N, C-alpha and C. Protein backbone atom coordinates (compact mmCIF):
# COMPACT_ATOMS: atom_id res chain seq x y z
N LEU A 1 39.61 -28.07 61.81
CA LEU A 1 38.77 -29.07 61.22
C LEU A 1 38.99 -29.18 59.72
N GLY A 2 39.26 -28.04 59.09
CA GLY A 2 39.52 -28.06 57.66
C GLY A 2 40.70 -28.94 57.32
N ASP A 3 41.79 -28.78 58.06
CA ASP A 3 42.99 -29.59 57.82
C ASP A 3 42.72 -31.07 58.08
N ALA A 4 41.97 -31.36 59.14
CA ALA A 4 41.68 -32.75 59.47
C ALA A 4 40.97 -33.44 58.31
N HIS A 5 39.98 -32.78 57.73
CA HIS A 5 39.26 -33.38 56.60
C HIS A 5 40.07 -33.31 55.31
N PHE A 6 40.82 -32.25 55.13
CA PHE A 6 41.55 -32.08 53.88
C PHE A 6 42.69 -33.09 53.75
N PHE A 7 43.40 -33.32 54.87
CA PHE A 7 44.57 -34.19 54.83
C PHE A 7 44.33 -35.56 55.46
N GLY A 8 43.25 -35.68 56.24
CA GLY A 8 42.97 -36.94 56.92
C GLY A 8 43.86 -37.12 58.14
N GLY A 9 43.67 -38.23 58.82
CA GLY A 9 44.46 -38.52 60.01
C GLY A 9 43.63 -38.43 61.27
N GLU A 10 44.13 -39.04 62.32
CA GLU A 10 43.48 -39.04 63.63
C GLU A 10 42.01 -39.45 63.53
N GLY A 11 41.77 -40.51 62.77
CA GLY A 11 40.42 -41.05 62.67
C GLY A 11 39.50 -40.35 61.69
N VAL A 12 40.01 -39.36 60.95
CA VAL A 12 39.20 -38.62 59.99
C VAL A 12 39.64 -39.01 58.58
N GLU A 13 38.67 -39.43 57.77
CA GLU A 13 38.98 -39.79 56.39
C GLU A 13 39.15 -38.53 55.54
N VAL A 14 39.98 -38.63 54.52
CA VAL A 14 40.20 -37.50 53.62
C VAL A 14 38.90 -37.18 52.88
N ASN A 15 38.50 -35.93 52.98
CA ASN A 15 37.32 -35.44 52.26
C ASN A 15 37.61 -33.96 51.98
N LYS A 16 38.24 -33.72 50.83
CA LYS A 16 38.69 -32.36 50.51
C LYS A 16 37.53 -31.37 50.40
N GLU A 17 36.40 -31.82 49.90
CA GLU A 17 35.25 -30.91 49.79
C GLU A 17 34.80 -30.45 51.17
N LYS A 18 34.72 -31.38 52.10
CA LYS A 18 34.31 -31.03 53.46
C LYS A 18 35.37 -30.13 54.11
N GLY A 19 36.64 -30.43 53.86
CA GLY A 19 37.72 -29.59 54.37
C GLY A 19 37.61 -28.18 53.82
N ALA A 20 37.32 -28.06 52.53
CA ALA A 20 37.17 -26.75 51.90
C ALA A 20 35.97 -26.00 52.49
N ASP A 21 34.92 -26.73 52.84
CA ASP A 21 33.76 -26.08 53.49
C ASP A 21 34.17 -25.46 54.83
N PHE A 22 34.96 -26.20 55.59
CA PHE A 22 35.43 -25.67 56.88
C PHE A 22 36.37 -24.48 56.67
N TYR A 23 37.25 -24.58 55.67
CA TYR A 23 38.14 -23.45 55.34
C TYR A 23 37.31 -22.22 54.99
N THR A 24 36.26 -22.43 54.21
CA THR A 24 35.40 -21.31 53.79
C THR A 24 34.76 -20.64 55.00
N LYS A 25 34.21 -21.44 55.89
CA LYS A 25 33.59 -20.88 57.10
C LYS A 25 34.59 -20.09 57.93
N ALA A 26 35.79 -20.64 58.09
CA ALA A 26 36.82 -19.95 58.87
C ALA A 26 37.30 -18.69 58.16
N ALA A 27 37.46 -18.76 56.85
CA ALA A 27 37.92 -17.60 56.08
C ALA A 27 36.90 -16.47 56.16
N MET A 28 35.63 -16.81 56.14
CA MET A 28 34.58 -15.79 56.23
C MET A 28 34.61 -15.08 57.59
N GLN A 29 35.22 -15.73 58.57
CA GLN A 29 35.33 -15.13 59.89
C GLN A 29 36.70 -14.49 60.10
N GLY A 30 37.50 -14.42 59.03
CA GLY A 30 38.76 -13.71 59.09
C GLY A 30 40.00 -14.55 59.33
N HIS A 31 39.90 -15.87 59.27
CA HIS A 31 41.06 -16.72 59.48
C HIS A 31 41.93 -16.73 58.22
N VAL A 32 43.08 -16.08 58.32
CA VAL A 32 43.94 -15.84 57.16
C VAL A 32 44.48 -17.14 56.57
N GLN A 33 44.93 -18.07 57.40
CA GLN A 33 45.49 -19.32 56.90
C GLN A 33 44.44 -20.12 56.12
N SER A 34 43.20 -20.08 56.59
CA SER A 34 42.12 -20.77 55.86
C SER A 34 41.90 -20.13 54.49
N ARG A 35 41.99 -18.81 54.42
CA ARG A 35 41.84 -18.12 53.14
C ARG A 35 42.97 -18.55 52.20
N HIS A 36 44.19 -18.62 52.72
CA HIS A 36 45.33 -19.09 51.92
C HIS A 36 45.07 -20.52 51.43
N ASN A 37 44.62 -21.38 52.35
CA ASN A 37 44.36 -22.77 51.99
C ASN A 37 43.31 -22.88 50.90
N LEU A 38 42.27 -22.04 50.96
CA LEU A 38 41.26 -22.03 49.90
C LEU A 38 41.88 -21.66 48.56
N GLY A 39 42.79 -20.69 48.58
CA GLY A 39 43.46 -20.31 47.34
C GLY A 39 44.24 -21.47 46.76
N CYS A 40 44.95 -22.18 47.60
CA CYS A 40 45.71 -23.34 47.13
C CYS A 40 44.79 -24.44 46.60
N TYR A 41 43.69 -24.66 47.31
CA TYR A 41 42.71 -25.68 46.88
C TYR A 41 42.11 -25.33 45.53
N GLU A 42 41.73 -24.07 45.36
CA GLU A 42 41.16 -23.65 44.08
C GLU A 42 42.19 -23.79 42.96
N GLY A 43 43.43 -23.47 43.25
CA GLY A 43 44.49 -23.64 42.26
C GLY A 43 44.67 -25.10 41.88
N GLU A 44 44.60 -25.96 42.89
CA GLU A 44 44.72 -27.40 42.66
C GLU A 44 43.58 -27.91 41.77
N LYS A 45 42.40 -27.31 41.91
CA LYS A 45 41.25 -27.71 41.09
C LYS A 45 41.28 -27.07 39.70
N GLY A 46 42.24 -26.18 39.46
CA GLY A 46 42.34 -25.54 38.15
C GLY A 46 41.56 -24.24 38.04
N ASN A 47 41.08 -23.72 39.17
CA ASN A 47 40.35 -22.46 39.18
C ASN A 47 41.31 -21.31 39.51
N GLY A 48 42.14 -20.97 38.54
CA GLY A 48 43.19 -19.98 38.76
C GLY A 48 42.68 -18.63 39.22
N ASP A 49 41.60 -18.14 38.63
CA ASP A 49 41.07 -16.83 39.01
C ASP A 49 40.62 -16.82 40.47
N ARG A 50 39.88 -17.85 40.86
CA ARG A 50 39.42 -17.94 42.25
C ARG A 50 40.60 -18.09 43.20
N ALA A 51 41.58 -18.88 42.78
CA ALA A 51 42.77 -19.10 43.62
C ALA A 51 43.47 -17.77 43.90
N VAL A 52 43.71 -17.00 42.84
CA VAL A 52 44.41 -15.73 43.00
C VAL A 52 43.60 -14.76 43.85
N ARG A 53 42.29 -14.75 43.68
CA ARG A 53 41.45 -13.85 44.51
C ARG A 53 41.59 -14.17 45.99
N HIS A 54 41.55 -15.46 46.34
CA HIS A 54 41.73 -15.84 47.75
C HIS A 54 43.12 -15.45 48.25
N LEU A 55 44.11 -15.71 47.45
CA LEU A 55 45.49 -15.40 47.85
C LEU A 55 45.72 -13.90 47.98
N LEU A 56 45.08 -13.11 47.12
CA LEU A 56 45.19 -11.66 47.23
C LEU A 56 44.63 -11.17 48.56
N ILE A 57 43.51 -11.73 48.96
CA ILE A 57 42.90 -11.32 50.23
C ILE A 57 43.85 -11.61 51.39
N SER A 58 44.41 -12.81 51.42
CA SER A 58 45.28 -13.16 52.53
C SER A 58 46.61 -12.42 52.48
N ALA A 59 47.11 -12.15 51.28
CA ALA A 59 48.36 -11.37 51.18
C ALA A 59 48.15 -9.94 51.67
N LYS A 60 46.98 -9.39 51.38
CA LYS A 60 46.70 -7.99 51.74
C LYS A 60 46.52 -7.78 53.23
N VAL A 61 46.39 -8.86 53.99
CA VAL A 61 46.32 -8.70 55.44
C VAL A 61 47.63 -9.13 56.10
N GLY A 62 48.67 -9.30 55.28
CA GLY A 62 50.00 -9.52 55.82
C GLY A 62 50.51 -10.94 55.81
N ASP A 63 49.90 -11.84 55.04
CA ASP A 63 50.37 -13.22 54.98
C ASP A 63 51.47 -13.36 53.93
N LYS A 64 52.69 -13.54 54.40
CA LYS A 64 53.85 -13.58 53.50
C LYS A 64 53.80 -14.79 52.57
N ILE A 65 53.34 -15.92 53.06
CA ILE A 65 53.27 -17.13 52.22
C ILE A 65 52.31 -16.90 51.05
N SER A 66 51.21 -16.22 51.32
CA SER A 66 50.27 -15.92 50.23
C SER A 66 50.90 -14.98 49.22
N LEU A 67 51.65 -13.99 49.71
CA LEU A 67 52.35 -13.08 48.80
C LEU A 67 53.31 -13.86 47.91
N GLU A 68 54.08 -14.76 48.51
CA GLU A 68 55.03 -15.57 47.74
C GLU A 68 54.31 -16.47 46.74
N THR A 69 53.14 -16.96 47.11
CA THR A 69 52.37 -17.82 46.21
C THR A 69 51.84 -17.02 45.02
N VAL A 70 51.39 -15.79 45.26
CA VAL A 70 50.96 -14.92 44.15
C VAL A 70 52.15 -14.61 43.25
N LYS A 71 53.30 -14.37 43.85
CA LYS A 71 54.51 -14.09 43.06
C LYS A 71 54.84 -15.28 42.16
N ARG A 72 54.77 -16.48 42.74
CA ARG A 72 55.04 -17.69 41.96
C ARG A 72 54.02 -17.84 40.83
N ALA A 73 52.76 -17.55 41.14
CA ALA A 73 51.70 -17.64 40.11
C ALA A 73 51.98 -16.64 38.99
N PHE A 74 52.44 -15.45 39.35
CA PHE A 74 52.78 -14.44 38.34
C PHE A 74 53.93 -14.94 37.47
N MET A 75 54.96 -15.49 38.09
CA MET A 75 56.12 -15.96 37.34
C MET A 75 55.77 -17.13 36.42
N GLU A 76 54.72 -17.87 36.79
CA GLU A 76 54.28 -19.00 35.97
C GLU A 76 53.19 -18.61 34.97
N GLY A 77 52.84 -17.32 34.96
CA GLY A 77 51.84 -16.83 34.02
C GLY A 77 50.40 -17.07 34.46
N LEU A 78 50.20 -17.39 35.74
CA LEU A 78 48.86 -17.68 36.24
C LEU A 78 48.21 -16.47 36.91
N ALA A 79 49.00 -15.45 37.20
CA ALA A 79 48.50 -14.20 37.77
C ALA A 79 49.09 -13.06 36.96
N THR A 80 48.40 -11.94 36.93
CA THR A 80 48.88 -10.80 36.15
C THR A 80 49.89 -9.98 36.97
N LYS A 81 50.61 -9.13 36.27
CA LYS A 81 51.53 -8.22 36.92
C LYS A 81 50.76 -7.30 37.88
N GLU A 82 49.58 -6.88 37.46
CA GLU A 82 48.75 -6.01 38.30
C GLU A 82 48.31 -6.73 39.58
N GLN A 83 47.98 -8.00 39.46
CA GLN A 83 47.58 -8.76 40.66
C GLN A 83 48.76 -8.91 41.62
N TYR A 84 49.94 -9.19 41.08
CA TYR A 84 51.11 -9.30 41.94
C TYR A 84 51.41 -7.95 42.60
N ALA A 85 51.32 -6.87 41.83
CA ALA A 85 51.56 -5.53 42.40
C ALA A 85 50.54 -5.22 43.49
N GLU A 86 49.29 -5.61 43.28
CA GLU A 86 48.23 -5.39 44.28
C GLU A 86 48.53 -6.17 45.56
N ALA A 87 48.97 -7.42 45.40
CA ALA A 87 49.30 -8.25 46.55
C ALA A 87 50.49 -7.66 47.31
N LEU A 88 51.51 -7.23 46.57
CA LEU A 88 52.70 -6.67 47.20
C LEU A 88 52.38 -5.39 47.95
N LYS A 89 51.63 -4.50 47.33
CA LYS A 89 51.25 -3.24 47.97
C LYS A 89 50.40 -3.50 49.21
N GLY A 90 49.43 -4.39 49.10
CA GLY A 90 48.58 -4.71 50.24
C GLY A 90 49.37 -5.31 51.38
N TYR A 91 50.30 -6.20 51.05
CA TYR A 91 51.15 -6.82 52.07
C TYR A 91 52.00 -5.76 52.77
N GLN A 92 52.63 -4.90 51.99
CA GLN A 92 53.47 -3.84 52.57
C GLN A 92 52.64 -2.90 53.44
N ASP A 93 51.45 -2.54 52.99
CA ASP A 93 50.57 -1.68 53.79
C ASP A 93 50.20 -2.35 55.10
N ALA A 94 49.88 -3.64 55.04
CA ALA A 94 49.51 -4.38 56.26
C ALA A 94 50.67 -4.42 57.24
N LYS A 95 51.87 -4.67 56.73
CA LYS A 95 53.04 -4.72 57.59
C LYS A 95 53.32 -3.36 58.21
N GLU A 96 53.16 -2.32 57.43
CA GLU A 96 53.38 -0.95 57.93
C GLU A 96 52.36 -0.62 59.03
N GLU A 97 51.14 -1.04 58.82
CA GLU A 97 50.07 -0.78 59.79
C GLU A 97 50.31 -1.51 61.11
N MET A 98 51.00 -2.65 61.03
CA MET A 98 51.26 -3.44 62.24
C MET A 98 52.46 -2.94 63.03
N LYS A 99 53.23 -2.04 62.45
CA LYS A 99 54.42 -1.54 63.14
C LYS A 99 54.02 -0.71 64.35
N SER A 100 54.80 -0.86 65.42
CA SER A 100 54.60 0.00 66.59
C SER A 100 55.91 0.07 67.35
N HIS A 101 56.05 1.09 68.11
CA HIS A 101 57.26 1.28 68.91
C HIS A 101 57.43 0.11 69.88
N ASP A 102 56.33 -0.31 70.52
CA ASP A 102 56.39 -1.41 71.49
C ASP A 102 56.82 -2.71 70.82
N ARG A 103 56.34 -2.98 69.63
CA ARG A 103 56.75 -4.20 68.92
C ARG A 103 58.23 -4.15 68.58
N ASP A 104 58.68 -3.00 68.13
CA ASP A 104 60.11 -2.86 67.81
C ASP A 104 60.97 -3.11 69.03
N GLN A 105 60.55 -2.58 70.19
CA GLN A 105 61.32 -2.79 71.41
C GLN A 105 61.31 -4.28 71.80
N ALA A 106 60.16 -4.92 71.73
CA ALA A 106 60.06 -6.32 72.08
C ALA A 106 60.92 -7.17 71.15
N SER A 107 60.91 -6.83 69.88
CA SER A 107 61.72 -7.56 68.91
C SER A 107 63.21 -7.39 69.20
N ALA A 108 63.62 -6.19 69.58
CA ALA A 108 65.02 -5.92 69.90
C ALA A 108 65.46 -6.71 71.12
N LEU A 109 64.57 -6.90 72.07
CA LEU A 109 64.90 -7.65 73.28
C LEU A 109 65.11 -9.13 73.01
N ARG A 110 64.42 -9.65 71.98
CA ARG A 110 64.55 -11.07 71.63
C ARG A 110 65.83 -11.38 70.90
N LYS A 111 66.51 -10.39 70.41
CA LYS A 111 67.73 -10.64 69.62
C LYS A 111 68.93 -10.84 70.50
């Protein structure tokens, strides 16, 4: 629903505020992509601190796109070195936590 209101289409008019409300509700329930979208929306509105906070949360649970966005923000001077390091460490920890022997075997079978 957030995307439908944020971008419009399929009979729904663009209403970014309403889309952000839906993203917020979904993010509060753990939806990682919605958290990332909130970060991008806050950045678009010029709220750099809020944007980076949202992106840090989603990067720390293993969202690679959020990690790359924090990296880009750091390179553009919008995030600190410490924030980028925090996002990178959180991302790596999340990926390590997701590793399992069964996943490795399944991945090997797909190759």
